[in-house]
Structure formats: structure tokens, C-alpha cells
Amino acid sequence: MTLLETIKLGKDFTRGGRSFPAVDETDFVLEKGEFIHIIGRSGGGKTTFLNLISGILEPTRGKILAEGKDIAEMDDAQKSLYRNSFIGYVPQSMGTMPNLTVLDNVRLPHFLHPREGDGIERASILLDWMGIFHLKDEFTGTISGGELKRVLLARALMNQPKVLIADEPTADLDSHTTREIMEILKKINESVSLIIVTHELDVLEYGNRVLVMEDGRLKDSEQYNKN
């Protein structure tokens, strides 16, 4: 089953009075159950691509299909639900609210779309699964980088998304913590499809497909996709 698809997707930016494509005529398909890594040089368009398929940016041209439906044709409520529930997004920057506790940071997505309850039970289950339930009442400025990554993963899973997108989820982590985070992602992949951008080639073994982004275009990696 195809969860996400892009058709001739493009996004242009203007710099110094000149327009250039950050993402250029990119075709992409994510099937249910896949774990896809996207690699490539800095500035190649990886983060822009993630922001497009997560609904943060509007494309200049092309289509983004979520289970066959063009998100450009969704109304505001449908787009909000897409960003809030269909997609779970872990940004490259830490992105937590330092004035909120770990538990409240994880609960935030629960309140961005009308729902019943306070989300405490779901957030508590996720924190326990991430191994950081004991930090639920701490403020995020007092915990480690690896613990923050777990908070962000829990927050991204709060509304039970079908697709988890993570931009450099192991950046600035030591090798032991990197393995722990990747093992968590592998476990998440049992029920959620994953798209991960990374510069760390030693984590590619955790996925089942590697794509390379060059000059705004995605292509299969002949080097890492052996089958």
C-alpha cells in the first residue's frame, strides 16, 4: 500500500534576485512498512524535501499524494489533520518548549486538533516505552541530548501517525546513544513507516532502502541498495 507519493515535486527559492530549485522534479514513493534513509551533501535539498512532504512548505510545482489524495486539494481542516496525525515529524533542531515539562512537551500535538481527553495516558505510555518516564516532570533544558531525542520521538508518535519523518535524529550523539536511538526507530518501524535523513553512513543498516539526494533530485543508491 502506497502511503506517500510525490510526482515531479519542485520547490524554488530566490537568492540575490535569482530563482533556484531546492527540490527539482522529484518523484518518490513510500510504501507501508518501509524504512527509508535519505543521504546526500548539505544543501542538496533533503530538509526542504522533508518540509514539503510533511506539509510545512507549499510546493512550487508537482504533487504530494497521501494515500492517493493530493494534499493541495485538502481544505484547511484536512491539511491540519494531515500534519498533525498522518505525519509525525522530528525536526533537525531540538524543537522542544523549555518552559514545559517533558510530559507536557510530548502531549502538545494532542491539543493541535480537536480531541477528547488530556493525552496524559498516551504520553506516559510513550515515555515509558522510550525509557524516560522517570523524567516526565523535568524541564527539557535539564536533560541530555539523547533524552531530548527520545522526547521528540515520543512527541512525534503522540497522535499515532502512519509516517514518521526524522531529520538527522542521531546528530551530535555518541555512538552508544546513536545505536539506542536507531534500535528505537527499528522498533517503531514495526507499526509506522519511516523516512530518515542522515549523514551517518553506519546507521544505514537499520533501513531497507537508501536514497541519495543530489541537486534537489532523489535517486536510488546503487552503493547501499545491494538487492
Protein backbone atom coordinates (compact mmCIF):
# COMPACT_ATOMS: atom_id res chain seq x y z
CA MET A 1 0.00 0.00 0.00
CA THR A 2 1.38 3.40 -1.02
CA LEU A 3 1.28 5.90 1.85
CA LEU A 4 3.13 8.84 0.29
CA GLU A 5 3.99 9.72 -3.28
CA THR A 6 5.46 12.79 -4.95
CA ILE A 7 5.13 13.47 -8.67
CA LYS A 8 7.52 15.95 -10.31
CA LEU A 9 7.74 17.76 -6.98
CA GLY A 10 9.58 21.08 -7.03
CA LYS A 11 10.30 23.95 -4.66
CA ASP A 12 12.02 27.16 -5.78
CA PHE A 13 13.66 29.80 -3.62
CA THR A 14 15.03 33.20 -4.53
CA ARG A 15 18.52 34.34 -3.58
CA GLY A 16 20.17 37.51 -4.78
CA GLY A 17 17.28 38.18 -7.11
CA ARG A 18 17.68 34.82 -8.83
CA SER A 19 15.39 31.80 -8.51
CA PHE A 20 16.79 28.30 -7.97
CA PRO A 21 15.22 24.88 -7.31
CA ALA A 22 15.94 23.44 -3.86
CA VAL A 23 13.85 20.40 -4.84
CA ASP A 24 13.66 19.72 -8.56
CA GLU A 25 11.19 17.42 -10.37
CA THR A 26 11.41 14.77 -7.65
CA ASP A 27 9.45 11.52 -7.83
CA PHE A 28 9.20 9.47 -4.64
CA VAL A 29 7.13 6.59 -3.26
CA LEU A 30 6.84 5.36 0.33
CA GLU A 31 5.11 2.03 0.82
CA LYS A 32 3.55 0.88 4.07
CA GLY A 33 6.17 -0.69 6.34
CA GLU A 34 9.22 0.82 4.62
CA PHE A 35 12.21 2.34 6.44
CA ILE A 36 13.89 4.74 4.02
CA HIS A 37 17.14 6.60 4.58
CA ILE A 38 17.89 9.74 2.56
CA ILE A 39 21.55 10.76 2.31
CA GLY A 40 23.42 13.46 0.42
CA ARG A 41 25.57 16.55 0.77
CA SER A 42 24.45 19.52 2.87
CA GLY A 43 22.45 21.96 0.79
CA GLY A 44 21.22 19.26 -1.56
CA GLY A 45 17.55 19.74 -0.68
CA LYS A 46 16.96 16.99 1.89
CA THR A 47 15.41 19.15 4.62
CA THR A 48 13.35 21.09 2.08
CA PHE A 49 12.00 17.80 0.77
CA LEU A 50 11.03 16.69 4.28
CA ASN A 51 9.33 20.02 4.93
CA LEU A 52 7.35 19.65 1.70
CA ILE A 53 6.06 16.13 2.34
CA SER A 54 5.27 16.96 5.97
CA GLY A 55 3.09 19.88 4.87
CA ILE A 56 5.26 22.62 6.37
CA LEU A 57 6.15 24.10 2.96
CA GLU A 58 3.95 24.54 -0.10
CA PRO A 59 5.46 23.18 -3.33
CA THR A 60 6.14 25.43 -6.31
CA ARG A 61 5.04 22.65 -8.66
CA GLY A 62 4.20 18.98 -8.70
CA LYS A 63 2.03 16.88 -6.41
CA ILE A 64 2.20 15.26 -2.97
CA LEU A 65 -0.24 12.38 -2.55
CA ALA A 66 -1.17 10.95 0.85
CA GLU A 67 -2.82 7.56 0.32
CA GLY A 68 -3.65 8.75 -3.19
CA LYS A 69 -5.13 12.13 -2.18
CA ASP A 70 -3.45 15.34 -3.35
CA ILE A 71 -2.79 17.38 -0.20
CA ALA A 72 -3.05 20.58 -2.27
CA GLU A 73 -6.75 19.79 -2.73
CA MET A 74 -7.39 19.37 1.00
CA ASP A 75 -9.25 22.07 2.91
CA ASP A 76 -7.64 23.74 5.92
CA ALA A 77 -9.06 21.23 8.41
CA GLN A 78 -7.88 18.28 6.33
CA LYS A 79 -4.39 19.76 5.94
CA SER A 80 -4.20 20.36 9.68
CA LEU A 81 -5.18 16.75 10.35
CA TYR A 82 -2.61 15.54 7.81
CA ARG A 83 0.21 17.48 9.51
CA ASN A 84 -0.99 16.56 12.98
CA SER A 85 -1.94 12.89 12.63
CA PHE A 86 -0.87 11.32 9.33
CA ILE A 87 2.70 12.63 9.73
CA GLY A 88 4.89 12.58 12.82
CA TYR A 89 7.88 14.90 12.41
CA VAL A 90 11.18 15.05 14.31
CA PRO A 91 13.00 18.24 13.28
CA GLN A 92 16.75 18.61 12.98
CA SER A 93 16.83 21.22 15.75
CA MET A 94 15.70 20.12 19.19
CA GLY A 95 12.38 21.97 18.96
CA THR A 96 11.07 21.43 22.50
CA MET A 97 9.35 24.04 24.69
CA PRO A 98 11.81 24.65 27.56
CA ASN A 99 9.12 26.13 29.82
CA LEU A 100 7.12 22.89 29.68
CA THR A 101 7.83 19.56 31.34
CA VAL A 102 8.84 16.50 29.35
CA LEU A 103 5.30 15.11 29.71
CA ASP A 104 3.68 18.33 28.51
CA ASN A 105 6.07 18.58 25.55
CA VAL A 106 5.01 15.11 24.44
CA ARG A 107 1.32 15.97 24.89
CA LEU A 108 1.46 19.11 22.73
CA PRO A 109 0.28 17.53 19.42
CA HIS A 110 -2.81 16.21 21.21
CA PHE A 111 -4.13 19.76 21.51
CA LEU A 112 -3.40 20.94 17.96
CA HIS A 113 -6.55 19.24 16.63
CA PRO A 114 -9.87 18.70 18.46
CA ARG A 115 -9.65 15.53 20.56
CA GLU A 116 -11.14 14.14 23.74
CA GLY A 117 -9.15 13.79 26.93
CA ASP A 118 -5.86 15.29 28.09
CA GLY A 119 -3.40 12.92 26.42
CA ILE A 120 -1.63 12.08 29.67
CA GLU A 121 -2.11 8.31 29.41
CA ARG A 122 -0.84 8.12 25.81
CA ALA A 123 2.14 10.40 26.56
CA SER A 124 3.02 8.38 29.66
CA ILE A 125 2.96 5.11 27.70
CA LEU A 126 5.28 6.60 25.07
CA LEU A 127 7.72 7.96 27.64
CA ASP A 128 7.79 4.59 29.36
CA TRP A 129 8.46 2.89 26.01
CA MET A 130 11.31 5.34 25.37
CA GLY A 131 12.76 4.53 28.79
CA ILE A 132 12.43 8.08 30.15
CA PHE A 133 9.18 8.01 32.12
CA HIS A 134 11.17 8.96 35.21
CA LEU A 135 11.90 12.32 33.53
CA LYS A 136 8.24 13.23 32.92
CA ASP A 137 8.25 16.14 35.39
CA GLU A 138 11.65 17.50 34.36
CA PHE A 139 12.02 20.55 32.12
CA THR A 140 13.69 19.82 28.79
CA GLY A 141 16.56 22.22 29.46
CA THR A 142 17.81 19.92 32.22
CA ILE A 143 18.09 16.63 30.30
CA SER A 144 20.72 15.22 27.93
CA GLY A 145 20.77 15.29 24.13
CA GLY A 146 19.90 11.61 23.87
CA GLU A 147 17.00 12.06 26.27
CA LEU A 148 15.77 15.02 24.22
CA LYS A 149 15.77 12.88 21.08
CA ARG A 150 13.56 10.39 22.89
CA VAL A 151 11.20 13.20 23.92
CA LEU A 152 10.95 14.34 20.28
CA LEU A 153 10.29 10.80 19.08
CA ALA A 154 7.58 10.33 21.70
CA ARG A 155 6.01 13.66 20.71
CA ALA A 156 6.06 12.70 17.01
CA LEU A 157 4.24 9.45 17.86
CA MET A 158 1.66 11.08 20.12
CA ASN A 159 -1.17 11.03 17.57
CA GLN A 160 -0.34 7.58 16.15
CA PRO A 161 0.90 8.71 12.72
CA LYS A 162 1.21 6.42 9.72
CA VAL A 163 4.52 8.03 8.68
CA LEU A 164 7.38 9.19 10.90
CA ILE A 165 9.82 11.68 9.37
CA ALA A 166 13.08 12.47 11.17
CA ASP A 167 15.77 14.92 10.10
CA GLU A 168 19.19 13.85 11.44
CA PRO A 169 17.78 12.05 14.52
CA THR A 170 21.24 10.91 15.68
CA ALA A 171 23.17 14.11 15.02
CA ASP A 172 25.57 15.11 17.83
CA LEU A 173 25.06 11.85 19.71
CA ASP A 174 27.78 9.44 20.80
CA SER A 175 27.95 6.01 19.19
CA HIS A 176 26.24 4.20 22.08
CA THR A 177 23.29 6.63 22.15
CA THR A 178 23.09 6.54 18.34
CA ARG A 179 22.63 2.77 18.44
CA GLU A 180 19.96 3.11 21.13
CA ILE A 181 18.02 5.67 19.06
CA MET A 182 18.30 3.56 15.92
CA GLU A 183 17.05 0.48 17.77
CA ILE A 184 14.05 2.55 18.93
CA LEU A 185 13.41 3.62 15.33
CA LYS A 186 13.64 0.00 14.18
CA LYS A 187 11.03 -0.93 16.79
CA ILE A 188 8.80 1.98 15.71
CA ASN A 189 9.02 0.69 12.14
CA GLU A 190 7.05 -2.40 13.15
CA SER A 191 3.90 -0.23 13.02
CA VAL A 192 4.95 3.06 11.37
CA SER A 193 6.69 3.76 8.05
CA LEU A 194 9.88 5.80 8.37
CA ILE A 195 11.75 8.41 6.33
CA ILE A 196 15.08 9.36 7.91
CA VAL A 197 17.61 11.92 6.67
CA THR A 198 21.14 11.21 7.89
CA HIS A 199 24.79 11.94 7.23
CA GLU A 200 25.90 8.94 9.30
CA LEU A 201 26.51 6.03 6.96
CA ASP A 202 26.92 3.48 9.75
CA VAL A 203 23.19 3.69 10.58
CA LEU A 204 22.02 2.74 7.07
CA GLU A 205 21.89 -0.94 8.02
CA TYR A 206 18.73 -0.24 10.04
CA GLY A 207 16.66 0.70 6.98
CA ASN A 208 15.54 -1.27 3.94
CA ARG A 209 16.16 1.35 1.22
CA VAL A 210 18.64 4.20 0.74
CA LEU A 211 18.01 7.21 -1.49
CA VAL A 212 20.55 9.86 -2.44
CA MET A 213 19.56 13.49 -2.92
CA GLU A 214 21.75 15.45 -5.33
CA ASP A 215 20.93 18.90 -6.68
CA GLY A 216 17.36 18.62 -5.45
CA ARG A 217 16.65 15.21 -7.00
CA LEU A 218 16.24 11.80 -5.39
CA LYS A 219 17.62 8.57 -6.80
CA ASP A 220 18.20 5.06 -5.51
CA SER A 221 21.68 4.44 -4.13
CA GLU A 222 23.43 1.74 -6.12
CA GLN A 223 26.15 1.58 -3.48
CA TYR A 224 23.91 0.84 -0.48
CA ASN A 225 20.94 -0.91 -2.07
CA LYS A 226 22.54 -4.26 -2.83
CA ASN A 227 19.43 -6.22 -3.70
